[in-house]
Structure formats: C-alpha cells, structure tokens
C-alpha cells in the first residue's frame, strides 16, 4: 500500500494483485526514540493533579527568593559582604535538598510504577507490535522519567540563582578560588545542571527497576519508598552508634543524592570543605552509582524477555 505522490498520476493505492510497495520514507532509530519519549512524557504529565504535583517543585525557591530579597534589601538583616557567597550556596543546597525529597516522592508514586502498569495491562504487546525496539522502550521510559524530574530539580535552582544574582550582584563577596568576577553564577548554574541531571537519572533507573521487581503497580511505591525510608532509618541508627561524622550518614539515600552538588560547588565554595564532608559525599555518590548500575542490569534482563500478555508476571 502506498500514498499517491504529487505529479504521479499513474500511482495506484491498491493493485489488483495485492498491495503496492511503500513509497514513503522510513523513520530513523533516533526519530522513533524521540517519538516514544514524547509519548511517555505526555503520559507522565497527563491530568491536572500530575501537573500540580510537578509545580510543587517551585514552592521552595519562591519562599527562598523572598528570604534572599529581604536579606539583601533590608539593612537590619543584610548579609555581610564577605559572607554573600556562602549565603548563596547555602540557599542553593537547601533548595536542592527539598527538591530531592519531593523528587523521590514523585518517582515512587508516578514514574517507578510505569513499567509495572504496562505489564499489568498488556501494553508491552502493543508497543512491540509496532516498529519499536525493546531497547527503545527501556531508554524511552528512562529518558522520560529523568527529563521530568531533572526539570523539576533544575528550574527551581535556576530561579533561585537568578534572584540571588540580582539581589547580591554579579560578584558576591567571599567567593571561592575559581569565582572570578564573571564565573561565580555560571559555575553555580553548571553545578545545578550536573546535580539535577545525575539526581534524576539515578532515581529514575532505580525506580523503574523497582517496578520490574515488584511487578504490581500498587506495590511499587511501597517498595521504592520503603527502601528510601529504610535507608534513612538505618543511617540514623548508624549515626547513633558511630556518631554523626561517620560514613553511616552516607547510607541515607536522600542525603547521598546531594553528593553531585557538593562536589560541583567546590570551585566556588568560600572555604575548602572538610575532608569528612568530601568522603561522605564520595561514599553517597558511589552508593547511588552501584544502585543505578544494578538497576539498569535488572531492566536489561527484563527487557530481553518481557511478558507480553495481559497481566502476566
């Protein structure tokens, strides 16, 4: 079967002996993947409730922006010039910490169950009956979840950086060794991009792997959220035994996600970070890398022989 081309009057739609050869173009692998990601993104943001949940990412920078403006404009609360850089980085860290907590909740409730729902309702058979490679499905789900969460983490940081740049000036006082007059805010922006991207990627891969393991869409949030909360509790117990300044703190999966921002901000940090802080961040980053690699291997094993029937496990 083919469509008639402009200027080709003799082209037929159906021939007596059967269908004519396809005369159109073929979508490349990258075009198929982009189309799949677009479909998955629409699914993740479909409905007013999901949009409202994503917009909640913007609440922390709104409050912090008011706080920054007061600290910069009201003389009685003004930040000393030598402490402006430290003040700005503390605000970025606080905003990112709150954003990570909300990102983990969204991952558990919205992103992580997507593969489990596809298994439950037999959607995999629908996807793979079309020119979609199995790896396209896996990468598409990962990119869609990562892009949604990365935007939720980065946009608040971008807003806060812009507000602080206007309030404190292009060169806040007390910057680190690499904070040249033109470099402080661009480096902060680069750190925000890297930290947001890594945080979103790690949490998405682990969340999707939890969906493959749990299989039931209703159990996935409990499986993922329970793992994160369990790590927080385990970290607290470890800190009670081995004190706060121990590697037991890096077991906290929420705290460990702050590691990329901690490392990325070192160039503009006013003072060198204590050795323990860097060791703690390194251990936390290594923990998430191990979990992400294990999660991706789990996803690849699943996609090699996916259940195509409705409700199969």
Protein backbone atom coordinates (compact mmCIF):
# COMPACT_ATOMS: atom_id res chain seq x y z
CA UNK A 1 0.00 0.00 0.00
CA UNK A 2 1.31 3.46 -0.82
CA UNK A 3 0.12 7.02 -0.98
CA UNK A 4 -0.02 8.82 -4.31
CA UNK A 5 2.89 11.17 -4.84
CA UNK A 6 2.38 14.68 -6.22
CA UNK A 7 2.73 14.66 -10.01
CA UNK A 8 2.50 10.87 -10.21
CA UNK A 9 -0.92 10.42 -11.82
CA UNK A 10 -0.35 6.75 -12.57
CA UNK A 11 0.40 5.76 -8.96
CA UNK A 12 -2.22 3.39 -7.57
CA UNK A 13 -3.36 2.90 -3.99
CA UNK A 14 -4.29 -0.78 -4.31
CA UNK A 15 -3.24 -3.03 -7.15
CA UNK A 16 -5.36 -5.98 -8.32
CA UNK A 17 -2.65 -8.47 -7.38
CA UNK A 18 -2.24 -7.08 -3.89
CA UNK A 19 -0.69 -4.06 -2.22
CA UNK A 20 1.82 -1.80 -3.89
CA UNK A 21 5.26 -1.18 -2.40
CA UNK A 22 5.63 1.50 0.24
CA UNK A 23 6.96 4.63 -1.44
CA UNK A 24 7.38 6.82 1.62
CA UNK A 25 10.34 7.39 3.88
CA UNK A 26 11.39 5.42 6.94
CA UNK A 27 11.80 6.83 10.41
CA UNK A 28 15.30 6.55 11.83
CA UNK A 29 16.01 4.98 15.22
CA UNK A 30 16.54 8.42 16.76
CA UNK A 31 13.18 9.65 15.40
CA UNK A 32 11.40 6.60 16.80
CA UNK A 33 13.06 7.11 20.18
CA UNK A 34 12.14 10.81 20.29
CA UNK A 35 8.55 9.96 19.44
CA UNK A 36 8.44 7.34 22.18
CA UNK A 37 9.90 9.74 24.76
CA UNK A 38 7.28 12.34 23.78
CA UNK A 39 4.50 9.78 24.31
CA UNK A 40 5.87 8.76 27.71
CA UNK A 41 6.29 12.40 28.80
CA UNK A 42 2.68 13.17 27.87
CA UNK A 43 1.60 10.20 29.94
CA UNK A 44 3.57 11.40 32.98
CA UNK A 45 2.10 14.90 32.90
CA UNK A 46 -1.43 13.93 31.87
CA UNK A 47 -4.05 15.41 34.20
CA UNK A 48 -4.28 18.48 36.42
CA UNK A 49 -3.20 16.59 39.53
CA UNK A 50 0.08 15.48 37.99
CA UNK A 51 0.78 18.99 36.73
CA UNK A 52 0.04 20.38 40.21
CA UNK A 53 2.37 17.83 41.80
CA UNK A 54 5.17 18.86 39.45
CA UNK A 55 4.53 22.58 40.08
CA UNK A 56 5.11 21.92 43.78
CA UNK A 57 8.83 21.87 42.90
CA UNK A 58 8.56 25.68 42.58
CA UNK A 59 7.40 26.32 46.15
CA UNK A 60 10.84 26.17 47.89
CA UNK A 61 12.52 28.70 45.54
CA UNK A 62 9.53 31.03 45.91
CA UNK A 63 9.96 31.15 49.68
CA UNK A 64 13.76 31.32 49.48
CA UNK A 65 13.58 34.13 46.91
CA UNK A 66 11.57 36.26 49.33
CA UNK A 67 14.07 35.46 52.08
CA UNK A 68 17.02 36.39 49.84
CA UNK A 69 15.39 39.65 48.83
CA UNK A 70 14.77 40.62 52.46
CA UNK A 71 18.36 39.74 53.44
CA UNK A 72 19.69 41.88 50.61
CA UNK A 73 17.35 44.89 50.78
CA UNK A 74 16.57 45.33 54.49
CA UNK A 75 19.62 46.83 56.15
CA UNK A 76 18.88 45.32 59.54
CA UNK A 77 19.03 41.79 58.06
CA UNK A 78 21.68 42.43 55.40
CA UNK A 79 24.22 39.67 54.72
CA UNK A 80 27.81 40.86 55.31
CA UNK A 81 29.69 41.32 52.04
CA UNK A 82 32.28 38.69 52.97
CA UNK A 83 29.56 36.07 53.57
CA UNK A 84 27.44 36.60 50.45
CA UNK A 85 28.86 33.64 48.51
CA UNK A 86 28.44 31.29 51.46
CA UNK A 87 24.88 32.56 51.95
CA UNK A 88 24.05 31.96 48.28
CA UNK A 89 25.44 28.43 48.27
CA UNK A 90 23.60 27.54 51.47
CA UNK A 91 20.33 28.60 49.84
CA UNK A 92 21.08 26.50 46.76
CA UNK A 93 21.86 23.49 48.93
CA UNK A 94 18.64 23.90 50.92
CA UNK A 95 16.52 24.26 47.78
CA UNK A 96 18.14 21.21 46.19
CA UNK A 97 17.66 19.15 49.37
CA UNK A 98 13.95 19.90 49.50
CA UNK A 99 13.61 19.30 45.74
CA UNK A 100 15.28 15.89 46.09
CA UNK A 101 12.80 14.85 48.77
CA UNK A 102 9.89 15.79 46.50
CA UNK A 103 11.58 14.11 43.52
CA UNK A 104 11.82 10.83 45.44
CA UNK A 105 8.11 11.03 46.28
CA UNK A 106 7.21 11.66 42.63
CA UNK A 107 9.48 8.86 41.49
CA UNK A 108 7.87 6.42 43.90
CA UNK A 109 4.30 7.36 43.08
CA UNK A 110 4.41 8.39 39.43
CA UNK A 111 7.48 7.22 37.50
CA UNK A 112 8.51 3.95 39.13
CA UNK A 113 5.16 2.12 38.57
CA UNK A 114 5.03 2.84 34.80
CA UNK A 115 6.64 -0.41 33.65
CA UNK A 116 4.62 -2.39 36.20
CA UNK A 117 1.43 -0.83 34.79
CA UNK A 118 2.48 -1.72 31.24
CA UNK A 119 2.97 -5.31 32.40
CA UNK A 120 -0.37 -5.40 34.21
CA UNK A 121 -2.40 -4.08 31.26
CA UNK A 122 -0.55 -5.83 28.47
CA UNK A 123 0.78 -2.59 26.96
CA UNK A 124 4.14 -4.15 26.09
CA UNK A 125 2.50 -6.24 23.38
CA UNK A 126 1.03 -3.05 21.91
CA UNK A 127 4.39 -1.26 21.91
CA UNK A 128 6.36 -4.16 20.44
CA UNK A 129 3.80 -4.85 17.72
CA UNK A 130 4.94 -1.55 16.24
CA UNK A 131 8.40 -0.65 14.87
CA UNK A 132 9.73 -0.06 18.39
CA UNK A 133 12.86 -1.81 19.50
CA UNK A 134 12.89 -3.23 23.01
CA UNK A 135 15.84 -1.06 23.92
CA UNK A 136 13.93 1.99 22.63
CA UNK A 137 11.18 1.25 25.14
CA UNK A 138 13.65 0.95 28.01
CA UNK A 139 15.64 4.06 27.07
CA UNK A 140 12.43 5.98 26.36
CA UNK A 141 10.98 5.24 29.79
CA UNK A 142 14.28 6.21 31.43
CA UNK A 143 14.65 9.46 29.47
CA UNK A 144 11.03 10.49 30.03
CA UNK A 145 11.24 9.99 33.80
CA UNK A 146 14.67 11.61 34.01
CA UNK A 147 13.68 14.67 31.97
CA UNK A 148 10.57 15.30 34.05
CA UNK A 149 12.42 15.03 37.36
CA UNK A 150 15.53 16.87 36.14
CA UNK A 151 13.38 19.82 35.07
CA UNK A 152 11.71 19.81 38.48
CA UNK A 153 15.10 19.91 40.20
CA UNK A 154 16.85 22.38 37.91
CA UNK A 155 14.20 25.05 37.28
CA UNK A 156 13.91 25.96 41.00
CA UNK A 157 17.70 26.25 41.21
CA UNK A 158 17.74 28.38 38.06
CA UNK A 159 15.11 30.73 39.55
CA UNK A 160 17.00 30.97 42.83
CA UNK A 161 20.32 31.65 41.10
CA UNK A 162 18.71 34.42 39.01
CA UNK A 163 17.11 36.04 42.08
CA UNK A 164 20.35 35.87 44.06
CA UNK A 165 22.36 37.29 41.17
CA UNK A 166 20.01 40.30 41.05
CA UNK A 167 19.96 40.69 44.84
CA UNK A 168 23.63 40.10 45.65
CA UNK A 169 25.24 41.30 42.43
CA UNK A 170 27.17 39.52 39.71
CA UNK A 171 30.11 39.01 42.04
CA UNK A 172 29.00 38.14 45.60
CA UNK A 173 31.66 38.70 48.21
CA UNK A 174 33.65 35.86 49.71
CA UNK A 175 33.68 33.55 46.67
CA UNK A 176 36.00 30.59 46.27
CA UNK A 177 39.29 30.43 44.33
CA UNK A 178 37.65 29.96 40.91
CA UNK A 179 34.96 32.57 41.46
CA UNK A 180 36.28 35.23 39.07
CA UNK A 181 34.03 38.27 38.51
CA UNK A 182 32.35 36.52 35.58
CA UNK A 183 32.45 32.92 36.86
CA UNK A 184 30.53 32.61 40.13
CA UNK A 185 26.96 32.36 38.84
CA UNK A 186 27.82 30.48 35.60
CA UNK A 187 29.66 27.88 37.68
CA UNK A 188 26.72 27.69 40.07
CA UNK A 189 24.42 27.17 37.09
CA UNK A 190 26.65 24.42 35.70
CA UNK A 191 26.70 22.72 39.11
CA UNK A 192 22.89 22.87 39.22
CA UNK A 193 22.61 21.26 35.77
CA UNK A 194 25.01 18.42 36.61
CA UNK A 195 23.46 17.71 40.02
CA UNK A 196 19.89 17.80 38.67
CA UNK A 197 20.70 15.51 35.74
CA UNK A 198 22.51 12.92 37.86
CA UNK A 199 19.90 13.00 40.63
CA UNK A 200 17.09 12.50 38.12
CA UNK A 201 18.90 9.71 36.24
CA UNK A 202 19.85 7.75 39.37
CA UNK A 203 16.38 7.92 40.91
CA UNK A 204 14.63 7.06 37.63
CA UNK A 205 16.73 3.98 36.84
CA UNK A 206 16.39 2.64 40.39
CA UNK A 207 12.67 3.41 40.44
CA UNK A 208 11.98 1.62 37.15
CA UNK A 209 14.00 -1.36 38.36
CA UNK A 210 11.83 -1.47 41.48
CA UNK A 211 8.80 -1.59 39.19
CA UNK A 212 10.24 -4.59 37.33
CA UNK A 213 10.99 -6.40 40.60
CA UNK A 214 7.69 -5.66 42.34
CA UNK A 215 5.57 -6.08 39.14
CA UNK A 216 2.41 -4.89 40.92
CA UNK A 217 1.76 -1.13 40.32
CA UNK A 218 0.30 -0.80 43.81
CA UNK A 219 3.34 -2.32 45.49
CA UNK A 220 5.99 -0.33 43.62
CA UNK A 221 5.59 2.93 45.66
CA UNK A 222 5.82 0.91 48.87
CA UNK A 223 8.84 -0.98 47.56
CA UNK A 224 10.69 2.15 46.43
CA UNK A 225 9.56 4.47 49.20
CA UNK A 226 10.15 1.82 51.81
CA UNK A 227 13.70 1.35 50.58
CA UNK A 228 14.45 5.08 50.84
CA UNK A 229 12.84 5.40 54.28
CA UNK A 230 14.62 2.26 55.42
CA UNK A 231 17.96 3.75 54.39
CA UNK A 232 17.17 6.91 56.40
CA UNK A 233 16.35 4.84 59.48
CA UNK A 234 19.45 2.69 59.03
CA UNK A 235 21.55 5.84 58.73
CA UNK A 236 20.13 7.27 61.95
CA UNK A 237 20.84 4.05 63.83
CA UNK A 238 24.38 4.00 62.45
CA UNK A 239 24.95 7.62 63.47
CA UNK A 240 23.76 6.87 66.99
CA UNK A 241 26.30 4.07 67.19
CA UNK A 242 29.25 5.61 65.31
CA UNK A 243 28.41 9.32 65.77
CA UNK A 244 27.22 11.81 63.16
CA UNK A 245 30.60 12.32 61.49
CA UNK A 246 30.79 8.76 60.21
CA UNK A 247 30.09 7.07 56.90
CA UNK A 248 26.81 5.83 58.36
CA UNK A 249 25.31 9.14 57.21
CA UNK A 250 26.03 8.34 53.55
CA UNK A 251 23.73 5.30 53.76
CA UNK A 252 20.80 7.77 53.80
CA UNK A 253 19.75 7.65 50.12
CA UNK A 254 18.17 11.11 50.24
CA UNK A 255 21.27 12.68 51.77
CA UNK A 256 23.54 10.75 49.38
CA UNK A 257 21.81 12.37 46.38
CA UNK A 258 23.24 15.73 47.44
CA UNK A 259 26.75 14.50 46.61
CA UNK A 260 26.87 15.71 42.97
CA UNK A 261 26.02 19.28 44.04
CA UNK A 262 28.52 19.12 46.90
CA UNK A 263 31.34 18.20 44.53
CA UNK A 264 30.24 20.56 41.75
CA UNK A 265 30.20 23.61 44.03
CA UNK A 266 33.71 23.10 45.41
CA UNK A 267 35.29 25.56 42.94
CA UNK A 268 33.18 28.47 44.19
CA UNK A 269 32.81 27.42 47.80
CA UNK A 270 34.28 30.15 50.07
CA UNK A 271 36.28 27.67 52.11
CA UNK A 272 37.65 24.18 51.48
CA UNK A 273 35.18 21.52 52.55
CA UNK A 274 36.25 19.37 55.49
CA UNK A 275 37.76 16.06 54.47
CA UNK A 276 34.89 14.18 56.09
CA UNK A 277 32.30 16.08 54.00
CA UNK A 278 34.03 15.05 50.77
CA UNK A 279 34.46 11.46 51.98
CA UNK A 280 30.78 11.31 52.94
CA UNK A 281 29.75 12.74 49.56
CA UNK A 282 32.01 10.29 47.72
CA UNK A 283 30.54 7.31 49.58
CA UNK A 284 26.99 8.53 48.90
CA UNK A 285 27.71 9.05 45.20
CA UNK A 286 29.30 5.60 44.95
CA UNK A 287 26.23 4.06 46.61
CA UNK A 288 23.88 5.60 44.03
CA UNK A 289 26.17 4.59 41.15
CA UNK A 290 26.11 0.97 42.36
CA UNK A 291 22.32 1.06 42.73
CA UNK A 292 21.88 2.62 39.28
CA UNK A 293 24.15 0.06 37.59
CA UNK A 294 22.35 -2.80 39.35
CA UNK A 295 19.01 -1.26 38.39
CA UNK A 296 19.99 -0.93 34.73
CA UNK A 297 21.19 -4.55 34.59
CA UNK A 298 17.84 -5.59 36.09
CA UNK A 299 16.00 -3.59 33.42
CA UNK A 300 18.08 -5.08 30.60
CA UNK A 301 17.45 -8.59 31.89
CA UNK A 302 13.73 -7.83 31.99
CA UNK A 303 13.57 -6.34 28.50
CA UNK A 304 15.42 -9.34 27.00
CA UNK A 305 12.32 -11.49 27.64
CA UNK A 306 9.42 -9.20 28.57
CA UNK A 307 5.96 -10.55 29.47
CA UNK A 308 3.74 -9.63 26.51
CA UNK A 309 0.41 -10.98 27.71
CA UNK A 310 -2.07 -9.01 29.79
CA UNK A 311 -1.44 -9.39 33.50
CA UNK A 312 1.47 -11.81 33.07
CA UNK A 313 4.29 -11.67 35.57
